[in-house]
């Protein structure tokens, strides 16, 4: 009796294994930046993006970082195939209302980027999203030190936001 149950379980296990192998045979995994036919790889597609003009300093910081990340330092594409329209905003916030040590108040800067990624040839919107990045800082009682700390935090958050957006775009292009 026990051997019949064991044989039945082994048979079911074999059938399940074969079914899983057949199901997985259709799955394909490829590296995001895999080398492919000329002009069709994700790296080449990332280098063919046109970026909308920035509205302020933080937007320009995000835009500059995106241009560097997508083109590998080569600058904007002369013949873009895609367009990224972006709107960037930021806000500052104190974490605590009281001084903690040495006249420093912990704070944070959040940079928010809303963007639309479009294929130029047919105007098809490939992705619309909103991403945010936060950088922490210590706010000093000295005016210049406070301004510099906020600017440094904004720059760090802008760089991080650009990396998030580039990842989203690369994933979108990898699925094309």
C-alpha atoms as a PDB file:
ATOM      1  CA  UNK A   1       0.000   0.000   0.000  1.00  0.00           C
ATOM      2  CA  UNK A   2       2.777   2.392   0.935  1.00  0.00           C
ATOM      3  CA  UNK A   3       4.717   1.600  -2.226  1.00  0.00           C
ATOM      4  CA  UNK A   4       1.640   2.454  -4.358  1.00  0.00           C
ATOM      5  CA  UNK A   5       1.410   5.875  -2.717  1.00  0.00           C
ATOM      6  CA  UNK A   6       5.135   6.436  -3.199  1.00  0.00           C
ATOM      7  CA  UNK A   7       4.921   5.410  -6.858  1.00  0.00           C
ATOM      8  CA  UNK A   8       1.970   7.736  -7.414  1.00  0.00           C
ATOM      9  CA  UNK A   9       3.822  10.656  -5.773  1.00  0.00           C
ATOM     10  CA  UNK A  10       6.906   9.986  -7.895  1.00  0.00           C
ATOM     11  CA  UNK A  11       4.776   9.894 -11.057  1.00  0.00           C
ATOM     12  CA  UNK A  12       3.059  13.171 -10.144  1.00  0.00           C
ATOM     13  CA  UNK A  13       6.465  14.722  -9.372  1.00  0.00           C
ATOM     14  CA  UNK A  14       7.837  13.680 -12.752  1.00  0.00           C
ATOM     15  CA  UNK A  15       4.812  15.043 -14.577  1.00  0.00           C
ATOM     16  CA  UNK A  16       5.059  18.331 -12.664  1.00  0.00           C
ATOM     17  CA  UNK A  17       8.790  18.585 -13.461  1.00  0.00           C
ATOM     18  CA  UNK A  18       8.203  18.038 -17.178  1.00  0.00           C
ATOM     19  CA  UNK A  19       5.363  20.586 -17.178  1.00  0.00           C
ATOM     20  CA  UNK A  20       7.599  23.145 -15.412  1.00  0.00           C
ATOM     21  CA  UNK A  21      10.411  22.605 -17.917  1.00  0.00           C
ATOM     22  CA  UNK A  22       8.026  23.035 -20.841  1.00  0.00           C
ATOM     23  CA  UNK A  23       6.623  26.229 -19.309  1.00  0.00           C
ATOM     24  CA  UNK A  24      10.076  27.653 -18.637  1.00  0.00           C
ATOM     25  CA  UNK A  25      11.338  26.816 -22.112  1.00  0.00           C
ATOM     26  CA  UNK A  26       9.435  29.832 -23.509  1.00  0.00           C
ATOM     27  CA  UNK A  27      10.985  32.269 -21.005  1.00  0.00           C
ATOM     28  CA  UNK A  28      13.925  34.328 -22.119  1.00  0.00           C
ATOM     29  CA  UNK A  29      16.233  36.370 -19.994  1.00  0.00           C
ATOM     30  CA  UNK A  30      18.748  38.705 -21.548  1.00  0.00           C
ATOM     31  CA  UNK A  31      21.048  41.273 -19.992  1.00  0.00           C
ATOM     32  CA  UNK A  32      19.697  44.818 -20.157  1.00  0.00           C
ATOM     33  CA  UNK A  33      22.771  46.119 -21.983  1.00  0.00           C
ATOM     34  CA  UNK A  34      23.390  43.023 -24.120  1.00  0.00           C
ATOM     35  CA  UNK A  35      25.145  43.500 -27.449  1.00  0.00           C
ATOM     36  CA  UNK A  36      22.662  43.112 -30.292  1.00  0.00           C
ATOM     37  CA  UNK A  37      22.214  44.208 -33.896  1.00  0.00           C
ATOM     38  CA  UNK A  38      23.655  47.682 -34.558  1.00  0.00           C
ATOM     39  CA  UNK A  39      21.309  50.445 -33.419  1.00  0.00           C
ATOM     40  CA  UNK A  40      18.907  48.104 -31.633  1.00  0.00           C
ATOM     41  CA  UNK A  41      20.637  47.572 -28.272  1.00  0.00           C
ATOM     42  CA  UNK A  42      19.442  49.343 -25.142  1.00  0.00           C
ATOM     43  CA  UNK A  43      22.710  51.299 -24.886  1.00  0.00           C
ATOM     44  CA  UNK A  44      22.333  52.682 -28.421  1.00  0.00           C
ATOM     45  CA  UNK A  45      18.681  53.495 -27.812  1.00  0.00           C
ATOM     46  CA  UNK A  46      19.506  55.308 -24.564  1.00  0.00           C
ATOM     47  CA  UNK A  47      22.003  57.457 -26.462  1.00  0.00           C
ATOM     48  CA  UNK A  48      19.240  58.512 -28.906  1.00  0.00           C
ATOM     49  CA  UNK A  49      17.098  60.485 -26.434  1.00  0.00           C
ATOM     50  CA  UNK A  50      16.203  64.163 -26.682  1.00  0.00           C
ATOM     51  CA  UNK A  51      15.610  65.896 -23.341  1.00  0.00           C
ATOM     52  CA  UNK A  52      13.240  68.793 -22.743  1.00  0.00           C
ATOM     53  CA  UNK A  53      14.768  72.074 -21.513  1.00  0.00           C
ATOM     54  CA  UNK A  54      14.970  72.554 -17.759  1.00  0.00           C
ATOM     55  CA  UNK A  55      12.922  75.132 -15.894  1.00  0.00           C
ATOM     56  CA  UNK A  56      15.277  75.789 -12.957  1.00  0.00           C
ATOM     57  CA  UNK A  57      18.638  74.879 -11.445  1.00  0.00           C
ATOM     58  CA  UNK A  58      17.547  71.551  -9.986  1.00  0.00           C
ATOM     59  CA  UNK A  59      15.806  70.557 -13.214  1.00  0.00           C
ATOM     60  CA  UNK A  60      19.008  71.404 -15.073  1.00  0.00           C
ATOM     61  CA  UNK A  61      21.025  69.252 -12.669  1.00  0.00           C
ATOM     62  CA  UNK A  62      18.715  66.280 -13.327  1.00  0.00           C
ATOM     63  CA  UNK A  63      18.790  66.918 -17.086  1.00  0.00           C
ATOM     64  CA  UNK A  64      22.599  67.154 -17.203  1.00  0.00           C
ATOM     65  CA  UNK A  65      23.004  63.959 -15.209  1.00  0.00           C
ATOM     66  CA  UNK A  66      20.522  62.130 -17.464  1.00  0.00           C
ATOM     67  CA  UNK A  67      22.391  63.251 -20.581  1.00  0.00           C
ATOM     68  CA  UNK A  68      25.638  61.984 -19.076  1.00  0.00           C
ATOM     69  CA  UNK A  69      24.137  58.655 -17.933  1.00  0.00           C
ATOM     70  CA  UNK A  70      22.314  57.865 -21.172  1.00  0.00           C
ATOM     71  CA  UNK A  71      25.000  58.888 -23.647  1.00  0.00           C
ATOM     72  CA  UNK A  72      28.015  57.809 -21.634  1.00  0.00           C
ATOM     73  CA  UNK A  73      29.402  61.334 -21.567  1.00  0.00           C
ATOM     74  CA  UNK A  74      29.025  61.899 -25.326  1.00  0.00           C
ATOM     75  CA  UNK A  75      26.358  64.611 -24.990  1.00  0.00           C
ATOM     76  CA  UNK A  76      22.904  64.807 -26.500  1.00  0.00           C
ATOM     77  CA  UNK A  77      22.043  62.881 -29.636  1.00  0.00           C
ATOM     78  CA  UNK A  78      22.098  64.738 -32.965  1.00  0.00           C
ATOM     79  CA  UNK A  79      19.445  62.365 -34.374  1.00  0.00           C
ATOM     80  CA  UNK A  80      17.127  61.485 -31.482  1.00  0.00           C
ATOM     81  CA  UNK A  81      14.638  58.636 -31.767  1.00  0.00           C
ATOM     82  CA  UNK A  82      12.979  59.302 -28.387  1.00  0.00           C
ATOM     83  CA  UNK A  83      11.933  62.354 -26.383  1.00  0.00           C
ATOM     84  CA  UNK A  84      11.874  62.720 -22.619  1.00  0.00           C
ATOM     85  CA  UNK A  85       9.656  65.554 -21.393  1.00  0.00           C
ATOM     86  CA  UNK A  86      10.349  66.233 -17.755  1.00  0.00           C
ATOM     87  CA  UNK A  87       9.122  68.487 -14.970  1.00  0.00           C
ATOM     88  CA  UNK A  88      11.189  68.672 -11.777  1.00  0.00           C
ATOM     89  CA  UNK A  89      10.263  70.220  -8.449  1.00  0.00           C
ATOM     90  CA  UNK A  90      11.763  70.125  -4.985  1.00  0.00           C
ATOM     91  CA  UNK A  91      10.958  70.990  -1.424  1.00  0.00           C
ATOM     92  CA  UNK A  92      12.896  71.387   1.789  1.00  0.00           C
ATOM     93  CA  UNK A  93      11.805  70.170   5.172  1.00  0.00           C
ATOM     94  CA  UNK A  94      13.205  70.057   8.694  1.00  0.00           C
ATOM     95  CA  UNK A  95      13.029  66.648  10.296  1.00  0.00           C
ATOM     96  CA  UNK A  96      12.904  68.008  13.850  1.00  0.00           C
ATOM     97  CA  UNK A  97      11.848  71.370  15.202  1.00  0.00           C
ATOM     98  CA  UNK A  98      14.612  71.578  17.755  1.00  0.00           C
ATOM     99  CA  UNK A  99      18.359  71.700  17.591  1.00  0.00           C
ATOM    100  CA  UNK A 100      20.044  68.391  18.241  1.00  0.00           C
ATOM    101  CA  UNK A 101      23.768  69.055  18.660  1.00  0.00           C
ATOM    102  CA  UNK A 102      26.149  71.890  17.879  1.00  0.00           C
ATOM    103  CA  UNK A 103      23.304  74.113  16.624  1.00  0.00           C
ATOM    104  CA  UNK A 104      22.406  71.654  13.847  1.00  0.00           C
ATOM    105  CA  UNK A 105      18.878  70.728  12.851  1.00  0.00           C
ATOM    106  CA  UNK A 106      18.419  67.610  10.709  1.00  0.00           C
ATOM    107  CA  UNK A 107      16.639  68.296   7.446  1.00  0.00           C
ATOM    108  CA  UNK A 108      15.806  66.738   4.120  1.00  0.00           C
ATOM    109  CA  UNK A 109      15.432  67.772   0.510  1.00  0.00           C
ATOM    110  CA  UNK A 110      13.064  65.878  -1.778  1.00  0.00           C
ATOM    111  CA  UNK A 111      13.311  66.211  -5.559  1.00  0.00           C
ATOM    112  CA  UNK A 112      10.323  65.000  -7.574  1.00  0.00           C
ATOM    113  CA  UNK A 113      10.465  64.340 -11.305  1.00  0.00           C
ATOM    114  CA  UNK A 114       7.415  63.721 -13.485  1.00  0.00           C
ATOM    115  CA  UNK A 115       8.251  62.579 -16.984  1.00  0.00           C
ATOM    116  CA  UNK A 116       6.820  61.290 -20.243  1.00  0.00           C
ATOM    117  CA  UNK A 117       8.935  59.123 -22.517  1.00  0.00           C
ATOM    118  CA  UNK A 118       7.812  59.214 -26.173  1.00  0.00           C
ATOM    119  CA  UNK A 119       8.955  57.616 -29.426  1.00  0.00           C
ATOM    120  CA  UNK A 120       9.424  60.463 -31.925  1.00  0.00           C
ATOM    121  CA  UNK A 121       8.669  58.473 -35.103  1.00  0.00           C
ATOM    122  CA  UNK A 122       5.041  57.758 -34.261  1.00  0.00           C
ATOM    123  CA  UNK A 123       4.423  59.890 -31.149  1.00  0.00           C
ATOM    124  CA  UNK A 124       3.633  56.836 -29.033  1.00  0.00           C
ATOM    125  CA  UNK A 125       3.996  57.397 -25.292  1.00  0.00           C
ATOM    126  CA  UNK A 126       6.133  54.541 -23.979  1.00  0.00           C
ATOM    127  CA  UNK A 127       6.098  55.498 -20.297  1.00  0.00           C
ATOM    128  CA  UNK A 128       4.724  58.148 -18.005  1.00  0.00           C
ATOM    129  CA  UNK A 129       5.813  58.139 -14.383  1.00  0.00           C
ATOM    130  CA  UNK A 130       6.792  60.139 -11.352  1.00  0.00           C
ATOM    131  CA  UNK A 131       9.881  59.406  -9.269  1.00  0.00           C
ATOM    132  CA  UNK A 132      11.292  61.045  -6.178  1.00  0.00           C
ATOM    133  CA  UNK A 133      14.627  61.111  -4.395  1.00  0.00           C
ATOM    134  CA  UNK A 134      15.424  62.369  -0.924  1.00  0.00           C
ATOM    135  CA  UNK A 135      18.722  63.584   0.501  1.00  0.00           C
ATOM    136  CA  UNK A 136      19.323  64.208   4.196  1.00  0.00           C
ATOM    137  CA  UNK A 137      21.358  67.077   5.620  1.00  0.00           C
ATOM    138  CA  UNK A 138      22.198  68.975   8.781  1.00  0.00           C
ATOM    139  CA  UNK A 139      20.999  72.581   8.745  1.00  0.00           C
ATOM    140  CA  UNK A 140      23.350  74.998  10.437  1.00  0.00           C
ATOM    141  CA  UNK A 141      22.522  78.263  12.150  1.00  0.00           C
ATOM    142  CA  UNK A 142      25.024  80.009   9.856  1.00  0.00           C
ATOM    143  CA  UNK A 143      23.307  81.404   6.789  1.00  0.00           C
ATOM    144  CA  UNK A 144      25.948  80.529   4.172  1.00  0.00           C
ATOM    145  CA  UNK A 145      26.480  77.040   5.613  1.00  0.00           C
ATOM    146  CA  UNK A 146      22.718  76.463   5.492  1.00  0.00           C
ATOM    147  CA  UNK A 147      22.470  77.580   1.842  1.00  0.00           C
ATOM    148  CA  UNK A 148      25.434  75.401   0.862  1.00  0.00           C
ATOM    149  CA  UNK A 149      24.061  72.367   2.735  1.00  0.00           C
ATOM    150  CA  UNK A 150      20.708  72.678   0.965  1.00  0.00           C
ATOM    151  CA  UNK A 151      22.372  73.092  -2.445  1.00  0.00           C
ATOM    152  CA  UNK A 152      24.590  70.043  -1.876  1.00  0.00           C
ATOM    153  CA  UNK A 153      21.568  67.991  -0.782  1.00  0.00           C
ATOM    154  CA  UNK A 154      19.609  69.139  -3.849  1.00  0.00           C
ATOM    155  CA  UNK A 155      22.507  68.082  -6.090  1.00  0.00           C
ATOM    156  CA  UNK A 156      22.699  64.649  -4.441  1.00  0.00           C
ATOM    157  CA  UNK A 157      18.950  64.136  -4.765  1.00  0.00           C
ATOM    158  CA  UNK A 158      18.996  65.328  -8.408  1.00  0.00           C
ATOM    159  CA  UNK A 159      21.728  62.810  -9.251  1.00  0.00           C
ATOM    160  CA  UNK A 160      19.819  60.002  -7.560  1.00  0.00           C
ATOM    161  CA  UNK A 161      16.595  60.971  -9.351  1.00  0.00           C
ATOM    162  CA  UNK A 162      18.392  60.909 -12.712  1.00  0.00           C
ATOM    163  CA  UNK A 163      19.624  57.381 -11.958  1.00  0.00           C
ATOM    164  CA  UNK A 164      16.072  56.262 -11.129  1.00  0.00           C
ATOM    165  CA  UNK A 165      14.680  57.754 -14.348  1.00  0.00           C
ATOM    166  CA  UNK A 166      17.485  56.263 -16.458  1.00  0.00           C
ATOM    167  CA  UNK A 167      16.733  52.840 -14.968  1.00  0.00           C
ATOM    168  CA  UNK A 168      13.046  53.210 -15.817  1.00  0.00           C
ATOM    169  CA  UNK A 169      13.839  54.245 -19.383  1.00  0.00           C
ATOM    170  CA  UNK A 170      16.361  51.436 -19.876  1.00  0.00           C
ATOM    171  CA  UNK A 171      13.809  48.903 -18.646  1.00  0.00           C
ATOM    172  CA  UNK A 172      11.173  50.332 -20.980  1.00  0.00           C
ATOM    173  CA  UNK A 173      13.540  50.198 -23.949  1.00  0.00           C
ATOM    174  CA  UNK A 174      14.636  46.673 -23.030  1.00  0.00           C
ATOM    175  CA  UNK A 175      11.029  45.510 -23.355  1.00  0.00           C
ATOM    176  CA  UNK A 176      10.631  46.982 -26.860  1.00  0.00           C
END
